[in-house]
Amino acid sequence: SRCSSASMPTASPSATATRAQSRFEHRWTPGDRTIDVLGGRVLDQNGEFQGWVVQFTDRTEELRAAEAERQRIEEELATAAANTRIKVALDNVGSAVMVADTDNTVIYANHSAMELFRDAEADFRSRIPDFDVRNMLGGSIDRFHRNPSHQVDLLAQLKGPHRADMEIGERSIRILAVPVVDHHNCLETIILKGRPPE
């Protein structure tokens, strides 16, 4: 069959094979494709050169997938670095900050929050007898409300900041709950900030 010149790889000094070579390799990029070309010499029974056998391997999809994976890893690393900077900042702010997931499970509490709960542990036990600040992470924020089912419904429908005062023993704490949504406007996490009421 006859092939047009546009469909054949263009020879270059690095890709040109001579009879002295036993094999050659070349990467060919016609259009948006990437094709690896591997050639080997063909000899007769007397060791005389007869020609070349050439193998073409289309690497386009493989290389695209590898590039997409590289970009994904870079984005994840950049996101992780940004999250680390945010966590360091939150760890050291003066206000008590907690983060809960969509199941209302506490997934983060900064130093000020942990200090607040340690100082008020006895007061919290007046409402929650088995309260232990060491087990706060991984626990539910619903247990802090006198009516847990009401809080579940309230947080599930949270569309903007919500303020509430919580009386714990002799302490009064003002809670600010802020929903965090993704680009589909779906709830991802809830940030809770606590401080004495003004």
N, C-alpha and C. Protein backbone atom coordinates (compact mmCIF):
# COMPACT_ATOMS: atom_id res chain seq x y z
N SER A 1 0.84 -1.18 0.00
CA SER A 1 0.00 0.00 0.00
C SER A 1 0.87 1.23 0.00
N ARG A 2 0.32 2.37 -0.47
CA ARG A 2 1.09 3.60 -0.55
C ARG A 2 0.72 4.49 0.62
N CYS A 3 1.73 5.07 1.29
CA CYS A 3 1.52 5.96 2.43
C CYS A 3 1.96 7.35 2.04
N SER A 4 1.22 8.35 2.50
CA SER A 4 1.63 9.72 2.22
C SER A 4 2.81 10.06 3.11
N SER A 5 3.58 11.05 2.69
CA SER A 5 4.77 11.44 3.45
C SER A 5 4.39 12.00 4.80
N ALA A 6 3.19 12.57 4.93
CA ALA A 6 2.77 13.15 6.20
C ALA A 6 2.55 12.09 7.26
N SER A 7 2.33 10.83 6.86
CA SER A 7 2.05 9.77 7.83
C SER A 7 3.30 9.06 8.32
N MET A 8 4.45 9.42 7.77
CA MET A 8 5.69 8.75 8.11
C MET A 8 6.50 9.60 9.07
N PRO A 9 7.27 8.99 9.98
CA PRO A 9 8.10 9.77 10.89
C PRO A 9 9.19 10.50 10.13
N THR A 10 9.46 11.74 10.58
CA THR A 10 10.52 12.53 9.97
C THR A 10 11.86 12.11 10.55
N ALA A 11 12.84 11.81 9.69
CA ALA A 11 14.15 11.37 10.16
C ALA A 11 14.89 12.54 10.76
N SER A 12 15.65 12.25 11.80
CA SER A 12 16.50 13.25 12.43
C SER A 12 17.80 12.56 12.78
N PRO A 13 18.88 13.32 13.06
CA PRO A 13 20.16 12.69 13.38
C PRO A 13 20.07 11.66 14.47
N SER A 14 19.19 11.93 15.47
CA SER A 14 19.09 11.00 16.59
C SER A 14 18.26 9.78 16.23
N ALA A 15 17.42 9.91 15.18
CA ALA A 15 16.52 8.81 14.85
C ALA A 15 17.00 8.02 13.64
N THR A 16 17.97 8.53 12.90
CA THR A 16 18.42 7.85 11.69
C THR A 16 19.21 6.61 12.06
N ALA A 17 18.82 5.46 11.49
CA ALA A 17 19.50 4.20 11.78
C ALA A 17 20.48 3.88 10.66
N THR A 18 21.60 3.32 11.04
CA THR A 18 22.59 2.85 10.07
C THR A 18 22.77 1.36 10.24
N ARG A 19 23.42 0.75 9.25
CA ARG A 19 23.61 -0.70 9.33
C ARG A 19 24.51 -1.10 10.48
N ALA A 20 25.30 -0.16 10.96
CA ALA A 20 26.21 -0.49 12.06
C ALA A 20 25.45 -0.61 13.38
N GLN A 21 24.27 -0.03 13.42
CA GLN A 21 23.48 -0.11 14.65
C GLN A 21 22.73 -1.43 14.69
N SER A 22 22.57 -1.95 15.92
CA SER A 22 21.78 -3.17 16.06
C SER A 22 20.31 -2.83 16.31
N ARG A 23 20.03 -1.62 16.82
CA ARG A 23 18.66 -1.21 17.10
C ARG A 23 18.59 0.32 17.15
N PHE A 24 17.39 0.85 17.09
CA PHE A 24 17.21 2.28 17.26
C PHE A 24 15.87 2.54 17.95
N GLU A 25 15.78 3.67 18.64
CA GLU A 25 14.55 4.10 19.31
C GLU A 25 14.27 5.54 18.94
N HIS A 26 13.02 5.86 18.80
CA HIS A 26 12.64 7.23 18.44
C HIS A 26 11.22 7.50 18.93
N ARG A 27 10.98 8.71 19.42
CA ARG A 27 9.62 9.11 19.79
C ARG A 27 9.07 10.01 18.70
N TRP A 28 7.95 9.60 18.14
CA TRP A 28 7.35 10.29 17.00
C TRP A 28 6.06 10.96 17.49
N THR A 29 5.86 12.22 17.14
CA THR A 29 4.68 12.96 17.60
C THR A 29 3.90 13.53 16.43
N PRO A 30 3.18 12.68 15.71
CA PRO A 30 2.34 13.20 14.63
C PRO A 30 1.05 13.79 15.19
N GLY A 31 0.79 15.06 14.91
CA GLY A 31 -0.41 15.69 15.44
C GLY A 31 -0.39 15.68 16.96
N ASP A 32 -1.49 15.22 17.55
CA ASP A 32 -1.57 15.16 19.02
C ASP A 32 -1.31 13.76 19.56
N ARG A 33 -0.73 12.90 18.74
CA ARG A 33 -0.40 11.54 19.18
C ARG A 33 1.08 11.47 19.57
N THR A 34 1.41 10.49 20.41
CA THR A 34 2.79 10.22 20.78
C THR A 34 3.04 8.73 20.55
N ILE A 35 3.97 8.45 19.66
CA ILE A 35 4.23 7.06 19.27
C ILE A 35 5.71 6.76 19.44
N ASP A 36 6.00 5.69 20.17
CA ASP A 36 7.38 5.23 20.30
C ASP A 36 7.69 4.24 19.17
N VAL A 37 8.83 4.49 18.54
CA VAL A 37 9.26 3.65 17.43
C VAL A 37 10.51 2.90 17.87
N LEU A 38 10.47 1.58 17.76
CA LEU A 38 11.60 0.74 18.13
C LEU A 38 11.94 -0.15 16.93
N GLY A 39 13.20 -0.07 16.50
CA GLY A 39 13.62 -0.86 15.34
C GLY A 39 14.79 -1.76 15.67
N GLY A 40 14.85 -2.90 15.02
CA GLY A 40 15.96 -3.83 15.21
C GLY A 40 16.42 -4.38 13.85
N ARG A 41 17.73 -4.66 13.74
CA ARG A 41 18.26 -5.16 12.47
C ARG A 41 17.79 -6.59 12.21
N VAL A 42 17.61 -6.91 10.95
CA VAL A 42 17.29 -8.26 10.52
C VAL A 42 18.49 -8.78 9.71
N LEU A 43 19.05 -9.91 10.15
CA LEU A 43 20.20 -10.51 9.48
C LEU A 43 19.81 -11.86 8.90
N ASP A 44 20.49 -12.25 7.82
CA ASP A 44 20.24 -13.58 7.29
C ASP A 44 21.11 -14.60 8.02
N GLN A 45 21.06 -15.86 7.58
CA GLN A 45 21.80 -16.92 8.28
C GLN A 45 23.31 -16.75 8.20
N ASN A 46 23.76 -15.90 7.28
CA ASN A 46 25.20 -15.62 7.16
C ASN A 46 25.61 -14.35 7.88
N GLY A 47 24.62 -13.75 8.59
CA GLY A 47 24.93 -12.53 9.32
C GLY A 47 24.89 -11.29 8.46
N GLU A 48 24.37 -11.42 7.23
CA GLU A 48 24.29 -10.27 6.34
C GLU A 48 23.03 -9.46 6.65
N PHE A 49 23.21 -8.15 6.65
CA PHE A 49 22.10 -7.23 6.92
C PHE A 49 21.04 -7.33 5.82
N GLN A 50 19.77 -7.53 6.26
CA GLN A 50 18.68 -7.64 5.31
C GLN A 50 17.68 -6.48 5.38
N GLY A 51 17.64 -5.82 6.52
CA GLY A 51 16.69 -4.72 6.68
C GLY A 51 16.36 -4.52 8.16
N TRP A 52 15.23 -3.90 8.40
CA TRP A 52 14.83 -3.57 9.76
C TRP A 52 13.43 -4.10 10.06
N VAL A 53 13.20 -4.51 11.31
CA VAL A 53 11.86 -4.77 11.79
C VAL A 53 11.52 -3.64 12.76
N VAL A 54 10.39 -3.02 12.55
CA VAL A 54 10.04 -1.81 13.30
C VAL A 54 8.73 -2.03 14.06
N GLN A 55 8.75 -1.62 15.33
CA GLN A 55 7.56 -1.73 16.19
C GLN A 55 7.07 -0.34 16.55
N PHE A 56 5.77 -0.09 16.38
CA PHE A 56 5.17 1.19 16.73
C PHE A 56 4.26 0.99 17.94
N THR A 57 4.46 1.78 18.98
CA THR A 57 3.64 1.71 20.19
C THR A 57 3.04 3.08 20.46
N ASP A 58 1.71 3.14 20.44
CA ASP A 58 1.01 4.41 20.70
C ASP A 58 0.97 4.63 22.21
N ARG A 59 1.69 5.64 22.68
CA ARG A 59 1.77 5.93 24.12
C ARG A 59 0.88 7.10 24.52
N THR A 60 0.05 7.57 23.59
CA THR A 60 -0.69 8.81 23.83
C THR A 60 -1.52 8.77 25.10
N GLU A 61 -2.40 7.78 25.22
CA GLU A 61 -3.30 7.73 26.37
C GLU A 61 -2.53 7.48 27.66
N GLU A 62 -1.51 6.63 27.59
CA GLU A 62 -0.70 6.35 28.78
C GLU A 62 -0.03 7.61 29.29
N LEU A 63 0.57 8.40 28.37
CA LEU A 63 1.26 9.63 28.76
C LEU A 63 0.27 10.68 29.25
N ARG A 64 -0.90 10.74 28.62
CA ARG A 64 -1.92 11.69 29.08
C ARG A 64 -2.37 11.35 30.50
N ALA A 65 -2.55 10.06 30.74
CA ALA A 65 -2.96 9.63 32.09
C ALA A 65 -1.88 9.94 33.11
N ALA A 66 -0.62 9.72 32.72
CA ALA A 66 0.50 10.02 33.63
C ALA A 66 0.57 11.52 33.93
N GLU A 67 0.34 12.34 32.91
CA GLU A 67 0.37 13.79 33.11
C GLU A 67 -0.80 14.24 33.99
N ALA A 68 -1.97 13.65 33.76
CA ALA A 68 -3.13 13.98 34.59
C ALA A 68 -2.87 13.59 36.04
N GLU A 69 -2.25 12.43 36.26
CA GLU A 69 -1.93 11.98 37.62
C GLU A 69 -0.90 12.90 38.26
N ARG A 70 0.09 13.35 37.48
CA ARG A 70 1.09 14.27 38.00
C ARG A 70 0.43 15.58 38.44
N GLN A 71 -0.48 16.10 37.61
CA GLN A 71 -1.17 17.34 37.96
C GLN A 71 -2.04 17.16 39.19
N ARG A 72 -2.71 15.98 39.29
CA ARG A 72 -3.55 15.72 40.46
C ARG A 72 -2.72 15.70 41.73
N ILE A 73 -1.56 15.05 41.67
CA ILE A 73 -0.68 14.98 42.85
C ILE A 73 -0.19 16.38 43.23
N GLU A 74 0.18 17.17 42.21
CA GLU A 74 0.63 18.54 42.49
C GLU A 74 -0.47 19.36 43.15
N GLU A 75 -1.71 19.21 42.65
CA GLU A 75 -2.84 19.94 43.23
C GLU A 75 -3.10 19.48 44.66
N GLU A 76 -3.01 18.16 44.90
CA GLU A 76 -3.22 17.65 46.26
C GLU A 76 -2.15 18.16 47.21
N LEU A 77 -0.91 18.20 46.73
CA LEU A 77 0.18 18.70 47.56
C LEU A 77 -0.02 20.19 47.86
N ALA A 78 -0.46 20.95 46.84
CA ALA A 78 -0.71 22.38 47.05
C ALA A 78 -1.85 22.58 48.04
N THR A 79 -2.91 21.75 47.91
CA THR A 79 -4.04 21.84 48.84
C THR A 79 -3.61 21.46 50.25
N ALA A 80 -2.79 20.40 50.36
CA ALA A 80 -2.30 19.98 51.67
C ALA A 80 -1.45 21.08 52.31
N ALA A 81 -0.61 21.74 51.50
CA ALA A 81 0.22 22.82 52.03
C ALA A 81 -0.65 23.98 52.50
N ALA A 82 -1.69 24.31 51.70
CA ALA A 82 -2.60 25.38 52.10
C ALA A 82 -3.35 25.00 53.38
N ASN A 83 -3.81 23.74 53.45
CA ASN A 83 -4.52 23.28 54.65
C ASN A 83 -3.63 23.32 55.88
N THR A 84 -2.35 23.00 55.67
CA THR A 84 -1.41 23.05 56.79
C THR A 84 -1.26 24.47 57.30
N ARG A 85 -1.15 25.43 56.36
CA ARG A 85 -1.03 26.83 56.78
C ARG A 85 -2.29 27.29 57.52
N ILE A 86 -3.47 26.86 57.01
CA ILE A 86 -4.72 27.23 57.67
C ILE A 86 -4.79 26.61 59.07
N LYS A 87 -4.39 25.34 59.17
CA LYS A 87 -4.43 24.66 60.47
C LYS A 87 -3.50 25.34 61.47
N VAL A 88 -2.29 25.70 61.02
CA VAL A 88 -1.35 26.38 61.91
C VAL A 88 -1.95 27.70 62.40
N ALA A 89 -2.61 28.42 61.48
CA ALA A 89 -3.24 29.69 61.86
C ALA A 89 -4.36 29.45 62.87
N LEU A 90 -5.23 28.46 62.59
CA LEU A 90 -6.34 28.18 63.49
C LEU A 90 -5.86 27.66 64.84
N ASP A 91 -4.78 26.86 64.80
CA ASP A 91 -4.24 26.31 66.06
C ASP A 91 -3.90 27.43 67.05
N ASN A 92 -3.53 28.58 66.52
CA ASN A 92 -2.96 29.62 67.38
C ASN A 92 -3.83 30.86 67.54
N VAL A 93 -5.08 30.83 67.01
CA VAL A 93 -5.95 31.98 67.24
C VAL A 93 -6.48 31.93 68.67
N GLY A 94 -6.88 33.09 69.20
CA GLY A 94 -7.33 33.16 70.58
C GLY A 94 -8.70 32.56 70.80
N SER A 95 -9.56 32.56 69.79
CA SER A 95 -10.92 32.03 69.95
C SER A 95 -10.90 30.50 69.90
N ALA A 96 -11.86 29.91 70.58
CA ALA A 96 -12.02 28.45 70.55
C ALA A 96 -12.73 28.07 69.25
N VAL A 97 -12.08 27.26 68.43
CA VAL A 97 -12.64 26.89 67.13
C VAL A 97 -12.69 25.37 67.01
N MET A 98 -13.86 24.87 66.61
CA MET A 98 -14.02 23.45 66.31
C MET A 98 -14.56 23.31 64.90
N VAL A 99 -14.28 22.16 64.27
CA VAL A 99 -14.81 21.85 62.94
C VAL A 99 -15.48 20.49 63.03
N ALA A 100 -16.70 20.42 62.49
CA ALA A 100 -17.45 19.16 62.45
C ALA A 100 -17.76 18.81 61.00
N ASP A 101 -17.84 17.51 60.71
CA ASP A 101 -18.18 17.09 59.36
C ASP A 101 -19.70 17.03 59.20
N THR A 102 -20.16 16.51 58.06
CA THR A 102 -21.59 16.49 57.78
C THR A 102 -22.37 15.51 58.66
N ASP A 103 -21.66 14.65 59.38
CA ASP A 103 -22.31 13.76 60.35
C ASP A 103 -22.29 14.37 61.75
N ASN A 104 -21.87 15.66 61.82
CA ASN A 104 -21.75 16.38 63.09
C ASN A 104 -20.69 15.79 64.01
N THR A 105 -19.72 15.12 63.43
CA THR A 105 -18.61 14.57 64.20
C THR A 105 -17.48 15.59 64.27
N VAL A 106 -16.95 15.81 65.46
CA VAL A 106 -15.86 16.77 65.64
C VAL A 106 -14.59 16.21 65.01
N ILE A 107 -14.06 16.91 64.01
CA ILE A 107 -12.85 16.45 63.32
C ILE A 107 -11.65 17.34 63.61
N TYR A 108 -11.89 18.48 64.28
CA TYR A 108 -10.77 19.36 64.61
C TYR A 108 -11.17 20.26 65.76
N ALA A 109 -10.23 20.54 66.64
CA ALA A 109 -10.41 21.53 67.70
C ALA A 109 -9.06 22.20 67.93
N ASN A 110 -9.03 23.52 67.95
CA ASN A 110 -7.74 24.20 68.12
C ASN A 110 -7.33 24.24 69.58
N HIS A 111 -6.15 24.82 69.83
CA HIS A 111 -5.60 24.82 71.20
C HIS A 111 -6.54 25.54 72.17
N SER A 112 -7.12 26.66 71.72
CA SER A 112 -8.01 27.43 72.60
C SER A 112 -9.26 26.63 72.94
N ALA A 113 -9.79 25.87 71.97
CA ALA A 113 -10.97 25.05 72.24
C ALA A 113 -10.64 23.96 73.25
N MET A 114 -9.51 23.30 73.05
CA MET A 114 -9.13 22.25 73.98
C MET A 114 -8.91 22.80 75.39
N GLU A 115 -8.33 23.99 75.47
CA GLU A 115 -8.11 24.62 76.77
C GLU A 115 -9.45 24.97 77.43
N LEU A 116 -10.39 25.49 76.61
CA LEU A 116 -11.72 25.82 77.13
C LEU A 116 -12.40 24.59 77.70
N PHE A 117 -12.37 23.49 76.96
CA PHE A 117 -13.04 22.27 77.42
C PHE A 117 -12.34 21.65 78.62
N ARG A 118 -11.01 21.76 78.67
CA ARG A 118 -10.29 21.25 79.85
C ARG A 118 -10.67 22.05 81.09
N ASP A 119 -10.69 23.39 80.95
CA ASP A 119 -11.01 24.25 82.10
C ASP A 119 -12.45 24.06 82.55
N ALA A 120 -13.34 23.77 81.58
CA ALA A 120 -14.77 23.66 81.90
C ALA A 120 -15.24 22.20 81.97
N GLU A 121 -14.31 21.27 82.08
CA GLU A 121 -14.68 19.86 82.04
C GLU A 121 -15.70 19.50 83.12
N ALA A 122 -15.51 20.02 84.33
CA ALA A 122 -16.44 19.72 85.41
C ALA A 122 -17.82 20.28 85.11
N ASP A 123 -17.87 21.50 84.52
CA ASP A 123 -19.16 22.10 84.17
C ASP A 123 -19.85 21.29 83.08
N PHE A 124 -19.08 20.81 82.10
CA PHE A 124 -19.69 20.01 81.03
C PHE A 124 -20.22 18.69 81.58
N ARG A 125 -19.55 18.15 82.59
CA ARG A 125 -20.02 16.88 83.16
C ARG A 125 -21.33 17.05 83.92
N SER A 126 -21.66 18.29 84.31
CA SER A 126 -22.96 18.51 84.96
C SER A 126 -24.11 18.25 83.99
N ARG A 127 -23.84 18.39 82.69
CA ARG A 127 -24.85 18.09 81.68
C ARG A 127 -24.57 16.76 81.00
N ILE A 128 -23.27 16.47 80.79
CA ILE A 128 -22.88 15.25 80.09
C ILE A 128 -21.99 14.45 81.04
N PRO A 129 -22.56 13.55 81.84
CA PRO A 129 -21.79 12.87 82.90
C PRO A 129 -20.53 12.17 82.42
N ASP A 130 -20.55 11.61 81.19
CA ASP A 130 -19.39 10.87 80.73
C ASP A 130 -18.46 11.74 79.87
N PHE A 131 -18.63 13.07 79.95
CA PHE A 131 -17.80 13.95 79.12
C PHE A 131 -16.33 13.82 79.51
N ASP A 132 -15.48 13.64 78.51
CA ASP A 132 -14.04 13.54 78.71
C ASP A 132 -13.38 14.29 77.56
N VAL A 133 -12.67 15.37 77.87
CA VAL A 133 -12.09 16.19 76.81
C VAL A 133 -11.14 15.39 75.93
N ARG A 134 -10.55 14.33 76.47
CA ARG A 134 -9.63 13.50 75.69
C ARG A 134 -10.34 12.75 74.57
N ASN A 135 -11.66 12.58 74.72
CA ASN A 135 -12.43 11.85 73.71
C ASN A 135 -13.30 12.78 72.88
N MET A 136 -13.05 14.09 72.97
CA MET A 136 -13.90 15.03 72.27
C MET A 136 -13.78 14.88 70.75
N LEU A 137 -12.54 14.79 70.25
CA LEU A 137 -12.34 14.58 68.82
C LEU A 137 -12.91 13.21 68.44
N GLY A 138 -13.73 13.20 67.41
CA GLY A 138 -14.39 11.96 67.00
C GLY A 138 -15.76 11.80 67.63
N GLY A 139 -16.09 12.68 68.60
CA GLY A 139 -17.42 12.63 69.20
C GLY A 139 -18.38 13.54 68.44
N SER A 140 -19.64 13.48 68.81
CA SER A 140 -20.67 14.27 68.14
C SER A 140 -20.88 15.59 68.83
N ILE A 141 -21.09 16.65 68.06
CA ILE A 141 -21.39 17.96 68.66
C ILE A 141 -22.83 18.01 69.16
N ASP A 142 -23.66 17.04 68.76
CA ASP A 142 -25.06 17.05 69.18
C ASP A 142 -25.20 16.87 70.69
N ARG A 143 -24.24 16.21 71.30
CA ARG A 143 -24.35 15.93 72.73
C ARG A 143 -24.26 17.20 73.58
N PHE A 144 -23.77 18.30 72.99
CA PHE A 144 -23.67 19.55 73.75
C PHE A 144 -25.02 20.26 73.85
N HIS A 145 -26.00 19.83 73.10
CA HIS A 145 -27.31 20.50 73.08
C HIS A 145 -28.29 19.74 73.98
N ARG A 146 -29.15 20.49 74.66
CA ARG A 146 -30.14 19.85 75.53
C ARG A 146 -31.11 18.99 74.73
N ASN A 147 -31.33 19.36 73.49
CA ASN A 147 -32.22 18.60 72.62
C ASN A 147 -31.44 18.22 71.36
N PRO A 148 -30.71 17.10 71.39
CA PRO A 148 -29.84 16.72 70.26
C PRO A 148 -30.56 16.65 68.92
N SER A 149 -31.80 16.14 68.88
CA SER A 149 -32.51 16.03 67.61
C SER A 149 -32.79 17.40 67.02
N HIS A 150 -33.07 18.37 67.87
CA HIS A 150 -33.28 19.75 67.39
C HIS A 150 -32.02 20.28 66.75
N GLN A 151 -30.87 20.02 67.38
CA GLN A 151 -29.61 20.51 66.82
C GLN A 151 -29.28 19.82 65.50
N VAL A 152 -29.59 18.52 65.40
CA VAL A 152 -29.35 17.80 64.14
C VAL A 152 -30.11 18.47 63.01
N ASP A 153 -31.41 18.77 63.25
CA ASP A 153 -32.23 19.42 62.23
C ASP A 153 -31.72 20.82 61.91
N LEU A 154 -31.33 21.54 62.95
CA LEU A 154 -30.87 22.92 62.75
C LEU A 154 -29.61 22.95 61.89
N LEU A 155 -28.64 22.10 62.21
CA LEU A 155 -27.38 22.12 61.47
C LEU A 155 -27.55 21.58 60.06
N ALA A 156 -28.48 20.62 59.88
CA ALA A 156 -28.71 20.06 58.55
C ALA A 156 -29.27 21.11 57.60
N GLN A 157 -30.01 22.10 58.16
CA GLN A 157 -30.63 23.13 57.34
C GLN A 157 -29.86 24.45 57.39
N LEU A 158 -28.68 24.42 57.95
CA LEU A 158 -27.90 25.64 58.13
C LEU A 158 -27.49 26.22 56.78
N LYS A 159 -27.87 27.47 56.51
CA LYS A 159 -27.53 28.13 55.25
C LYS A 159 -26.58 29.32 55.44
N GLY A 160 -26.49 29.79 56.67
CA GLY A 160 -25.62 30.93 56.97
C GLY A 160 -25.22 30.87 58.43
N PRO A 161 -24.47 31.86 58.91
CA PRO A 161 -24.03 31.87 60.31
C PRO A 161 -25.22 31.80 61.28
N HIS A 162 -25.04 31.03 62.35
CA HIS A 162 -26.08 30.88 63.38
C HIS A 162 -25.44 31.10 64.74
N ARG A 163 -26.05 31.98 65.53
CA ARG A 163 -25.53 32.29 66.86
C ARG A 163 -26.46 31.74 67.93
N ALA A 164 -25.85 31.24 69.01
CA ALA A 164 -26.64 30.72 70.12
C ALA A 164 -25.81 30.81 71.39
N ASP A 165 -26.49 31.01 72.53
CA ASP A 165 -25.82 31.02 73.83
C ASP A 165 -26.04 29.68 74.51
N MET A 166 -24.98 29.10 75.05
CA MET A 166 -25.06 27.80 75.70
C MET A 166 -24.67 27.97 77.17
N GLU A 167 -25.55 27.54 78.05
CA GLU A 167 -25.30 27.58 79.50
C GLU A 167 -24.78 26.22 79.94
N ILE A 168 -23.57 26.19 80.44
CA ILE A 168 -22.94 24.96 80.93
C ILE A 168 -22.50 25.20 82.37
N GLY A 169 -23.23 24.61 83.31
CA GLY A 169 -22.90 24.85 84.71
C GLY A 169 -23.00 26.34 85.01
N GLU A 170 -21.93 26.89 85.50
CA GLU A 170 -21.90 28.33 85.80
C GLU A 170 -21.33 29.14 84.64
N ARG A 171 -21.06 28.48 83.54
CA ARG A 171 -20.46 29.15 82.39
C ARG A 171 -21.51 29.45 81.32
N SER A 172 -21.30 30.55 80.64
CA SER A 172 -22.14 30.92 79.50
C SER A 172 -21.22 31.10 78.30
N ILE A 173 -21.52 30.36 77.22
CA ILE A 173 -20.65 30.38 76.03
C ILE A 173 -21.50 30.74 74.81
N ARG A 174 -21.04 31.72 74.05
CA ARG A 174 -21.73 32.08 72.82
C ARG A 174 -21.12 31.29 71.67
N ILE A 175 -21.97 30.60 70.94
CA ILE A 175 -21.55 29.74 69.83
C ILE A 175 -21.92 30.39 68.50
N LEU A 176 -20.96 30.43 67.59
CA LEU A 176 -21.21 30.87 66.23
C LEU A 176 -20.94 29.68 65.32
N ALA A 177 -21.98 29.19 64.64
CA ALA A 177 -21.84 28.07 63.72
C ALA A 177 -21.89 28.59 62.29
N VAL A 178 -20.88 28.24 61.51
CA VAL A 178 -20.77 28.73 60.13
C VAL A 178 -20.66 27.52 59.20
N PRO A 179 -21.58 27.38 58.23
CA PRO A 179 -21.49 26.25 57.28
C PRO A 179 -20.44 26.52 56.22
N VAL A 180 -19.74 25.47 55.80
CA VAL A 180 -18.78 25.55 54.70
C VAL A 180 -19.30 24.65 53.59
N VAL A 181 -19.54 25.22 52.40
CA VAL A 181 -20.10 24.44 51.29
C VAL A 181 -19.07 24.31 50.17
N ASP A 182 -19.25 23.26 49.33
CA ASP A 182 -18.36 23.05 48.20
C ASP A 182 -18.87 23.83 46.99
N HIS A 183 -18.22 23.62 45.82
CA HIS A 183 -18.61 24.38 44.63
C HIS A 183 -19.97 23.97 44.09
N HIS A 184 -20.54 22.86 44.61
CA HIS A 184 -21.89 22.46 44.24
C HIS A 184 -22.91 22.97 45.26
N ASN A 185 -22.44 23.81 46.19
CA ASN A 185 -23.27 24.36 47.26
C ASN A 185 -23.76 23.28 48.21
N CYS A 186 -22.99 22.18 48.31
CA CYS A 186 -23.31 21.12 49.26
C CYS A 186 -22.48 21.29 50.53
N LEU A 187 -23.11 21.04 51.66
CA LEU A 187 -22.43 21.21 52.95
C LEU A 187 -21.25 20.26 53.07
N GLU A 188 -20.08 20.80 53.44
CA GLU A 188 -18.90 19.98 53.65
C GLU A 188 -18.57 19.88 55.13
N THR A 189 -18.48 21.02 55.80
CA THR A 189 -18.13 21.05 57.22
C THR A 189 -18.88 22.19 57.89
N ILE A 190 -18.85 22.17 59.22
CA ILE A 190 -19.42 23.24 60.02
C ILE A 190 -18.33 23.72 60.97
N ILE A 191 -18.07 25.03 60.95
CA ILE A 191 -17.08 25.61 61.86
C ILE A 191 -17.83 26.22 63.04
N LEU A 192 -17.41 25.87 64.23
CA LEU A 192 -18.01 26.40 65.44
C LEU A 192 -16.98 27.22 66.21
N LYS A 193 -17.37 28.43 66.55
CA LYS A 193 -16.48 29.32 67.29
C LYS A 193 -17.16 29.67 68.62
N GLY A 194 -16.44 29.48 69.71
CA GLY A 194 -17.02 29.73 71.02
C GLY A 194 -16.26 30.81 71.77
N ARG A 195 -17.00 31.64 72.51
CA ARG A 195 -16.40 32.67 73.36
C ARG A 195 -17.44 33.11 74.38
N PRO A 196 -17.03 33.78 75.47
CA PRO A 196 -18.00 34.29 76.42
C PRO A 196 -18.92 35.31 75.74
N PRO A 197 -20.21 35.35 76.07
CA PRO A 197 -21.12 36.30 75.44
C PRO A 197 -20.77 37.73 75.81
N GLU A 198 -21.07 38.65 74.90
CA GLU A 198 -20.77 40.06 75.15
C GLU A 198 -21.78 40.63 76.12
